[in-house]
Amino acid sequence: MMSDWDSFGGWGMGFGIVFMLLFWGLVILGIAALIRWLLTPSSPGRGARDKTPLEILQERYARGEIDREEYEQKKRDLELRA
């Protein structure tokens, strides 16, 4: 009686292991690529527009990161540079 292993001349199990490793390797690479894509900040090429320094300053002031005095000083500094 012939076993199932003899039908491929002994290569059946070898190909199975290779394809299993290839499959799981691709799954892991896909997950890593997805995580990298999700964690990468958006760049101008992805639809975000470039903001001017004054717009960034206004956003920081609106969020409460800086007070009015600091906002006015930085705004004057930006106007002197322009």
PDB file of N, CA and C in Angstrom:
ATOM      1  N   MET A   1       0.842  -1.178   0.000  1.00  0.00           N
ATOM      2  CA  MET A   1       0.000   0.000   0.000  1.00  0.00           C
ATOM      3  C   MET A   1       0.889   1.243   0.000  1.00  0.00           C
ATOM      4  N   MET A   2       0.569   2.223  -0.849  1.00  0.00           N
ATOM      5  CA  MET A   2       1.348   3.448  -0.942  1.00  0.00           C
ATOM      6  C   MET A   2       0.784   4.494   0.022  1.00  0.00           C
ATOM      7  N   SER A   3       1.678   5.219   0.620  1.00  0.00           N
ATOM      8  CA  SER A   3       1.220   6.286   1.517  1.00  0.00           C
ATOM      9  C   SER A   3       0.986   7.556   0.709  1.00  0.00           C
ATOM     10  N   ASP A   4       0.331   8.520   1.312  1.00  0.00           N
ATOM     11  CA  ASP A   4       0.061   9.797   0.625  1.00  0.00           C
ATOM     12  C   ASP A   4       1.347  10.570   0.329  1.00  0.00           C
ATOM     13  N   TRP A   5       2.395  10.327   1.097  1.00  0.00           N
ATOM     14  CA  TRP A   5       3.644  11.059   0.903  1.00  0.00           C
ATOM     15  C   TRP A   5       4.323  10.651  -0.398  1.00  0.00           C
ATOM     16  N   ASP A   6       4.061   9.469  -0.858  1.00  0.00           N
ATOM     17  CA  ASP A   6       4.710   8.990  -2.074  1.00  0.00           C
ATOM     18  C   ASP A   6       4.095   9.553  -3.339  1.00  0.00           C
ATOM     19  N   SER A   7       2.928  10.136  -3.259  1.00  0.00           N
ATOM     20  CA  SER A   7       2.273  10.632  -4.464  1.00  0.00           C
ATOM     21  C   SER A   7       3.024  11.816  -5.082  1.00  0.00           C
ATOM     22  N   PHE A   8       3.755  12.576  -4.288  1.00  0.00           N
ATOM     23  CA  PHE A   8       4.548  13.683  -4.814  1.00  0.00           C
ATOM     24  C   PHE A   8       6.034  13.380  -4.747  1.00  0.00           C
ATOM     25  N   GLY A   9       6.365  12.139  -4.561  1.00  0.00           N
ATOM     26  CA  GLY A   9       7.763  11.764  -4.490  1.00  0.00           C
ATOM     27  C   GLY A   9       8.446  12.318  -3.250  1.00  0.00           C
ATOM     28  N   GLY A  10       7.705  12.584  -2.200  1.00  0.00           N
ATOM     29  CA  GLY A  10       8.289  13.110  -0.973  1.00  0.00           C
ATOM     30  C   GLY A  10       8.351  14.630  -0.918  1.00  0.00           C
ATOM     31  N   TRP A  11       7.923  15.305  -1.995  1.00  0.00           N
ATOM     32  CA  TRP A  11       7.999  16.764  -2.050  1.00  0.00           C
ATOM     33  C   TRP A  11       6.733  17.450  -1.544  1.00  0.00           C
ATOM     34  N   GLY A  12       5.668  16.715  -1.361  1.00  0.00           N
ATOM     35  CA  GLY A  12       4.401  17.325  -0.951  1.00  0.00           C
ATOM     36  C   GLY A  12       4.495  18.092   0.352  1.00  0.00           C
ATOM     37  N   MET A  13       5.093  17.498   1.355  1.00  0.00           N
ATOM     38  CA  MET A  13       5.218  18.160   2.647  1.00  0.00           C
ATOM     39  C   MET A  13       6.183  19.345   2.565  1.00  0.00           C
ATOM     40  N   GLY A  14       7.225  19.211   1.784  1.00  0.00           N
ATOM     41  CA  GLY A  14       8.198  20.305   1.615  1.00  0.00           C
ATOM     42  C   GLY A  14       7.560  21.532   1.002  1.00  0.00           C
ATOM     43  N   PHE A  15       6.756  21.326  -0.054  1.00  0.00           N
ATOM     44  CA  PHE A  15       6.064  22.455  -0.675  1.00  0.00           C
ATOM     45  C   PHE A  15       5.049  23.075   0.277  1.00  0.00           C
ATOM     46  N   GLY A  16       4.408  22.250   1.070  1.00  0.00           N
ATOM     47  CA  GLY A  16       3.434  22.755   2.035  1.00  0.00           C
ATOM     48  C   GLY A  16       4.076  23.678   3.053  1.00  0.00           C
ATOM     49  N   ILE A  17       5.232  23.286   3.545  1.00  0.00           N
ATOM     50  CA  ILE A  17       5.947  24.110   4.524  1.00  0.00           C
ATOM     51  C   ILE A  17       6.403  25.410   3.888  1.00  0.00           C
ATOM     52  N   VAL A  18       6.924  25.362   2.663  1.00  0.00           N
ATOM     53  CA  VAL A  18       7.380  26.571   1.965  1.00  0.00           C
ATOM     54  C   VAL A  18       6.215  27.534   1.754  1.00  0.00           C
ATOM     55  N   PHE A  19       5.089  27.020   1.283  1.00  0.00           N
ATOM     56  CA  PHE A  19       3.943  27.891   1.045  1.00  0.00           C
ATOM     57  C   PHE A  19       3.358  28.429   2.342  1.00  0.00           C
ATOM     58  N   MET A  20       3.409  27.646   3.406  1.00  0.00           N
ATOM     59  CA  MET A  20       2.925  28.123   4.696  1.00  0.00           C
ATOM     60  C   MET A  20       3.802  29.280   5.192  1.00  0.00           C
ATOM     61  N   LEU A  21       5.124  29.119   5.088  1.00  0.00           N
ATOM     62  CA  LEU A  21       6.039  30.183   5.502  1.00  0.00           C
ATOM     63  C   LEU A  21       5.858  31.429   4.640  1.00  0.00           C
ATOM     64  N   LEU A  22       5.683  31.228   3.340  1.00  0.00           N
ATOM     65  CA  LEU A  22       5.457  32.348   2.441  1.00  0.00           C
ATOM     66  C   LEU A  22       4.166  33.076   2.795  1.00  0.00           C
ATOM     67  N   PHE A  23       3.107  32.335   3.059  1.00  0.00           N
ATOM     68  CA  PHE A  23       1.823  32.930   3.420  1.00  0.00           C
ATOM     69  C   PHE A  23       1.942  33.762   4.687  1.00  0.00           C
ATOM     70  N   TRP A  24       2.503  33.172   5.749  1.00  0.00           N
ATOM     71  CA  TRP A  24       2.603  33.902   7.020  1.00  0.00           C
ATOM     72  C   TRP A  24       3.571  35.072   6.917  1.00  0.00           C
ATOM     73  N   GLY A  25       4.610  34.947   6.118  1.00  0.00           N
ATOM     74  CA  GLY A  25       5.522  36.071   5.891  1.00  0.00           C
ATOM     75  C   GLY A  25       4.801  37.240   5.247  1.00  0.00           C
ATOM     76  N   LEU A  26       3.971  36.938   4.246  1.00  0.00           N
ATOM     77  CA  LEU A  26       3.204  38.008   3.589  1.00  0.00           C
ATOM     78  C   LEU A  26       2.175  38.624   4.524  1.00  0.00           C
ATOM     79  N   VAL A  27       1.553  37.813   5.364  1.00  0.00           N
ATOM     80  CA  VAL A  27       0.583  38.344   6.335  1.00  0.00           C
ATOM     81  C   VAL A  27       1.289  39.290   7.300  1.00  0.00           C
ATOM     82  N   ILE A  28       2.434  38.896   7.819  1.00  0.00           N
ATOM     83  CA  ILE A  28       3.180  39.745   8.761  1.00  0.00           C
ATOM     84  C   ILE A  28       3.645  41.026   8.086  1.00  0.00           C
ATOM     85  N   LEU A  29       4.150  40.938   6.862  1.00  0.00           N
ATOM     86  CA  LEU A  29       4.566  42.136   6.132  1.00  0.00           C
ATOM     87  C   LEU A  29       3.377  43.065   5.873  1.00  0.00           C
ATOM     88  N   GLY A  30       2.230  42.496   5.556  1.00  0.00           N
ATOM     89  CA  GLY A  30       1.035  43.306   5.343  1.00  0.00           C
ATOM     90  C   GLY A  30       0.607  44.042   6.595  1.00  0.00           C
ATOM     91  N   ILE A  31       0.642  43.369   7.727  1.00  0.00           N
ATOM     92  CA  ILE A  31       0.283  44.010   8.998  1.00  0.00           C
ATOM     93  C   ILE A  31       1.287  45.114   9.334  1.00  0.00           C
ATOM     94  N   ALA A  32       2.575  44.851   9.132  1.00  0.00           N
ATOM     95  CA  ALA A  32       3.602  45.864   9.402  1.00  0.00           C
ATOM     96  C   ALA A  32       3.412  47.081   8.496  1.00  0.00           C
ATOM     97  N   ALA A  33       3.102  46.856   7.218  1.00  0.00           N
ATOM     98  CA  ALA A  33       2.874  47.969   6.299  1.00  0.00           C
ATOM     99  C   ALA A  33       1.647  48.773   6.709  1.00  0.00           C
ATOM    100  N   LEU A  34       0.599  48.096   7.143  1.00  0.00           N
ATOM    101  CA  LEU A  34      -0.609  48.789   7.591  1.00  0.00           C
ATOM    102  C   LEU A  34      -0.327  49.643   8.826  1.00  0.00           C
ATOM    103  N   ILE A  35       0.404  49.103   9.783  1.00  0.00           N
ATOM    104  CA  ILE A  35       0.738  49.864  10.992  1.00  0.00           C
ATOM    105  C   ILE A  35       1.595  51.068  10.638  1.00  0.00           C
ATOM    106  N   ARG A  36       2.569  50.869   9.760  1.00  0.00           N
ATOM    107  CA  ARG A  36       3.426  51.994   9.358  1.00  0.00           C
ATOM    108  C   ARG A  36       2.616  53.078   8.658  1.00  0.00           C
ATOM    109  N   TRP A  37       1.695  52.673   7.798  1.00  0.00           N
ATOM    110  CA  TRP A  37       0.853  53.634   7.084  1.00  0.00           C
ATOM    111  C   TRP A  37      -0.036  54.411   8.055  1.00  0.00           C
ATOM    112  N   LEU A  38      -0.575  53.724   9.055  1.00  0.00           N
ATOM    113  CA  LEU A  38      -1.453  54.382  10.018  1.00  0.00           C
ATOM    114  C   LEU A  38      -0.702  55.326  10.942  1.00  0.00           C
ATOM    115  N   LEU A  39       0.548  55.017  11.256  1.00  0.00           N
ATOM    116  CA  LEU A  39       1.314  55.837  12.196  1.00  0.00           C
ATOM    117  C   LEU A  39       2.100  56.953  11.536  1.00  0.00           C
ATOM    118  N   THR A  40       2.243  56.932  10.223  1.00  0.00           N
ATOM    119  CA  THR A  40       2.981  57.976   9.525  1.00  0.00           C
ATOM    120  C   THR A  40       2.121  59.230   9.431  1.00  0.00           C
ATOM    121  N   PRO A  41       2.660  60.375   9.894  1.00  0.00           N
ATOM    122  CA  PRO A  41       1.860  61.601   9.802  1.00  0.00           C
ATOM    123  C   PRO A  41       1.609  61.967   8.347  1.00  0.00           C
ATOM    124  N   SER A  42       0.492  62.598   8.107  1.00  0.00           N
ATOM    125  CA  SER A  42       0.155  62.940   6.723  1.00  0.00           C
ATOM    126  C   SER A  42       1.130  63.983   6.197  1.00  0.00           C
ATOM    127  N   SER A  43       1.463  63.845   4.953  1.00  0.00           N
ATOM    128  CA  SER A  43       2.373  64.776   4.300  1.00  0.00           C
ATOM    129  C   SER A  43       1.569  65.600   3.299  1.00  0.00           C
ATOM    130  N   PRO A  44       2.156  66.672   2.755  1.00  0.00           N
ATOM    131  CA  PRO A  44       1.418  67.487   1.782  1.00  0.00           C
ATOM    132  C   PRO A  44       0.920  66.675   0.591  1.00  0.00           C
ATOM    133  N   GLY A  45       1.596  65.614   0.247  1.00  0.00           N
ATOM    134  CA  GLY A  45       1.172  64.778  -0.863  1.00  0.00           C
ATOM    135  C   GLY A  45      -0.109  64.015  -0.578  1.00  0.00           C
ATOM    136  N   ARG A  46      -0.488  63.906   0.671  1.00  0.00           N
ATOM    137  CA  ARG A  46      -1.688  63.173   1.051  1.00  0.00           C
ATOM    138  C   ARG A  46      -2.891  64.081   1.215  1.00  0.00           C
ATOM    139  N   GLY A  47      -2.815  65.294   0.763  1.00  0.00           N
ATOM    140  CA  GLY A  47      -3.980  66.163   0.792  1.00  0.00           C
ATOM    141  C   GLY A  47      -3.911  67.271   1.829  1.00  0.00           C
ATOM    142  N   ALA A  48      -3.022  67.183   2.787  1.00  0.00           N
ATOM    143  CA  ALA A  48      -2.896  68.254   3.770  1.00  0.00           C
ATOM    144  C   ALA A  48      -2.157  69.418   3.127  1.00  0.00           C
ATOM    145  N   ARG A  49      -2.664  70.614   3.352  1.00  0.00           N
ATOM    146  CA  ARG A  49      -1.993  71.769   2.742  1.00  0.00           C
ATOM    147  C   ARG A  49      -0.956  72.312   3.703  1.00  0.00           C
ATOM    148  N   ASP A  50       0.037  72.978   3.167  1.00  0.00           N
ATOM    149  CA  ASP A  50       1.051  73.590   4.013  1.00  0.00           C
ATOM    150  C   ASP A  50       0.451  74.787   4.712  1.00  0.00           C
ATOM    151  N   LYS A  51       0.748  74.910   5.980  1.00  0.00           N
ATOM    152  CA  LYS A  51       0.236  76.031   6.768  1.00  0.00           C
ATOM    153  C   LYS A  51       1.329  77.063   6.925  1.00  0.00           C
ATOM    154  N   THR A  52       0.929  78.298   6.968  1.00  0.00           N
ATOM    155  CA  THR A  52       1.881  79.367   7.208  1.00  0.00           C
ATOM    156  C   THR A  52       2.223  79.390   8.687  1.00  0.00           C
ATOM    157  N   PRO A  53       3.365  79.962   9.035  1.00  0.00           N
ATOM    158  CA  PRO A  53       3.715  80.055  10.460  1.00  0.00           C
ATOM    159  C   PRO A  53       2.663  80.806  11.275  1.00  0.00           C
ATOM    160  N   LEU A  54       2.039  81.822  10.671  1.00  0.00           N
ATOM    161  CA  LEU A  54       1.019  82.583  11.385  1.00  0.00           C
ATOM    162  C   LEU A  54      -0.217  81.717  11.661  1.00  0.00           C
ATOM    163  N   GLU A  55      -0.592  80.872  10.713  1.00  0.00           N
ATOM    164  CA  GLU A  55      -1.727  79.971  10.928  1.00  0.00           C
ATOM    165  C   GLU A  55      -1.439  78.965  12.046  1.00  0.00           C
ATOM    166  N   ILE A  56      -0.224  78.466  12.075  1.00  0.00           N
ATOM    167  CA  ILE A  56       0.162  77.538  13.136  1.00  0.00           C
ATOM    168  C   ILE A  56       0.116  78.242  14.483  1.00  0.00           C
ATOM    169  N   LEU A  57       0.618  79.472  14.519  1.00  0.00           N
ATOM    170  CA  LEU A  57       0.588  80.263  15.752  1.00  0.00           C
ATOM    171  C   LEU A  57      -0.848  80.499  16.210  1.00  0.00           C
ATOM    172  N   GLN A  58      -1.731  80.837  15.285  1.00  0.00           N
ATOM    173  CA  GLN A  58      -3.138  81.065  15.632  1.00  0.00           C
ATOM    174  C   GLN A  58      -3.784  79.789  16.182  1.00  0.00           C
ATOM    175  N   GLU A  59      -3.454  78.654  15.603  1.00  0.00           N
ATOM    176  CA  GLU A  59      -3.997  77.386  16.100  1.00  0.00           C
ATOM    177  C   GLU A  59      -3.508  77.086  17.509  1.00  0.00           C
ATOM    178  N   ARG A  60      -2.232  77.346  17.764  1.00  0.00           N
ATOM    179  CA  ARG A  60      -1.694  77.108  19.111  1.00  0.00           C
ATOM    180  C   ARG A  60      -2.371  78.011  20.133  1.00  0.00           C
ATOM    181  N   TYR A  61      -2.609  79.247  19.754  1.00  0.00           N
ATOM    182  CA  TYR A  61      -3.288  80.182  20.651  1.00  0.00           C
ATOM    183  C   TYR A  61      -4.740  79.734  20.882  1.00  0.00           C
ATOM    184  N   ALA A  62      -5.392  79.293  19.828  1.00  0.00           N
ATOM    185  CA  ALA A  62      -6.783  78.846  19.937  1.00  0.00           C
ATOM    186  C   ALA A  62      -6.896  77.599  20.819  1.00  0.00           C
ATOM    187  N   ARG A  63      -5.908  76.730  20.784  1.00  0.00           N
ATOM    188  CA  ARG A  63      -5.932  75.523  21.619  1.00  0.00           C
ATOM    189  C   ARG A  63      -5.527  75.810  23.058  1.00  0.00           C
ATOM    190  N   GLY A  64      -5.023  77.013  23.312  1.00  0.00           N
ATOM    191  CA  GLY A  64      -4.616  77.364  24.666  1.00  0.00           C
ATOM    192  C   GLY A  64      -3.206  76.939  25.023  1.00  0.00           C
ATOM    193  N   GLU A  65      -2.418  76.595  24.024  1.00  0.00           N
ATOM    194  CA  GLU A  65      -1.042  76.179  24.287  1.00  0.00           C
ATOM    195  C   GLU A  65      -0.171  77.365  24.690  1.00  0.00           C
ATOM    196  N   ILE A  66      -0.498  78.550  24.200  1.00  0.00           N
ATOM    197  CA  ILE A  66       0.244  79.758  24.546  1.00  0.00           C
ATOM    198  C   ILE A  66      -0.752  80.823  24.986  1.00  0.00           C
ATOM    199  N   ASP A  67      -0.272  81.765  25.810  1.00  0.00           N
ATOM    200  CA  ASP A  67      -1.161  82.834  26.272  1.00  0.00           C
ATOM    201  C   ASP A  67      -1.118  84.014  25.304  1.00  0.00           C
ATOM    202  N   ARG A  68      -1.937  85.015  25.581  1.00  0.00           N
ATOM    203  CA  ARG A  68      -2.068  86.157  24.671  1.00  0.00           C
ATOM    204  C   ARG A  68      -0.751  86.918  24.516  1.00  0.00           C
ATOM    205  N   GLU A  69      -0.040  87.093  25.614  1.00  0.00           N
ATOM    206  CA  GLU A  69       1.222  87.834  25.569  1.00  0.00           C
ATOM    207  C   GLU A  69       2.237  87.134  24.668  1.00  0.00           C
ATOM    208  N   GLU A  70       2.355  85.829  24.829  1.00  0.00           N
ATOM    209  CA  GLU A  70       3.285  85.061  23.997  1.00  0.00           C
ATOM    210  C   GLU A  70       2.834  85.072  22.536  1.00  0.00           C
ATOM    211  N   TYR A  71       1.523  84.979  22.317  1.00  0.00           N
ATOM    212  CA  TYR A  71       0.984  85.024  20.955  1.00  0.00           C
ATOM    213  C   TYR A  71       1.351  86.340  20.283  1.00  0.00           C
ATOM    214  N   GLU A  72       1.105  87.456  20.983  1.00  0.00           N
ATOM    215  CA  GLU A  72       1.402  88.777  20.402  1.00  0.00           C
ATOM    216  C   GLU A  72       2.888  88.924  20.102  1.00  0.00           C
ATOM    217  N   GLN A  73       3.755  88.461  21.004  1.00  0.00           N
ATOM    218  CA  GLN A  73       5.197  88.567  20.789  1.00  0.00           C
ATOM    219  C   GLN A  73       5.627  87.750  19.566  1.00  0.00           C
ATOM    220  N   LYS A  74       5.150  86.536  19.470  1.00  0.00           N
ATOM    221  CA  LYS A  74       5.521  85.682  18.330  1.00  0.00           C
ATOM    222  C   LYS A  74       4.949  86.224  17.020  1.00  0.00           C
ATOM    223  N   LYS A  75       3.763  86.811  17.090  1.00  0.00           N
ATOM    224  CA  LYS A  75       3.158  87.401  15.896  1.00  0.00           C
ATOM    225  C   LYS A  75       4.004  88.575  15.409  1.00  0.00           C
ATOM    226  N   ARG A  76       4.468  89.410  16.350  1.00  0.00           N
ATOM    227  CA  ARG A  76       5.344  90.537  15.962  1.00  0.00           C
ATOM    228  C   ARG A  76       6.633  90.012  15.355  1.00  0.00           C
ATOM    229  N   ASP A  77       7.203  88.964  15.954  1.00  0.00           N
ATOM    230  CA  ASP A  77       8.442  88.398  15.411  1.00  0.00           C
ATOM    231  C   ASP A  77       8.239  87.877  13.983  1.00  0.00           C
ATOM    232  N   LEU A  78       7.105  87.238  13.747  1.00  0.00           N
ATOM    233  CA  LEU A  78       6.822  86.728  12.402  1.00  0.00           C
ATOM    234  C   LEU A  78       6.622  87.854  11.407  1.00  0.00           C
ATOM    235  N   GLU A  79       5.969  88.935  11.835  1.00  0.00           N
ATOM    236  CA  GLU A  79       5.742  90.063  10.932  1.00  0.00           C
ATOM    237  C   GLU A  79       7.030  90.752  10.589  1.00  0.00           C
ATOM    238  N   LEU A  80       7.997  90.789  11.522  1.00  0.00           N
ATOM    239  CA  LEU A  80       9.302  91.409  11.246  1.00  0.00           C
ATOM    240  C   LEU A  80      10.102  90.600  10.239  1.00  0.00           C
ATOM    241  N   ARG A  81       9.935  89.283  10.263  1.00  0.00           N
ATOM    242  CA  ARG A  81      10.661  88.423   9.328  1.00  0.00           C
ATOM    243  C   ARG A  81      10.121  88.556   7.908  1.00  0.00           C
ATOM    244  N   ALA A  82       8.848  88.828   7.759  1.00  0.00           N
ATOM    245  CA  ALA A  82       8.227  88.848   6.434  1.00  0.00           C
ATOM    246  C   ALA A  82       8.498  90.097   5.670  1.00  0.00           C
TER     247      ALA A  82
END
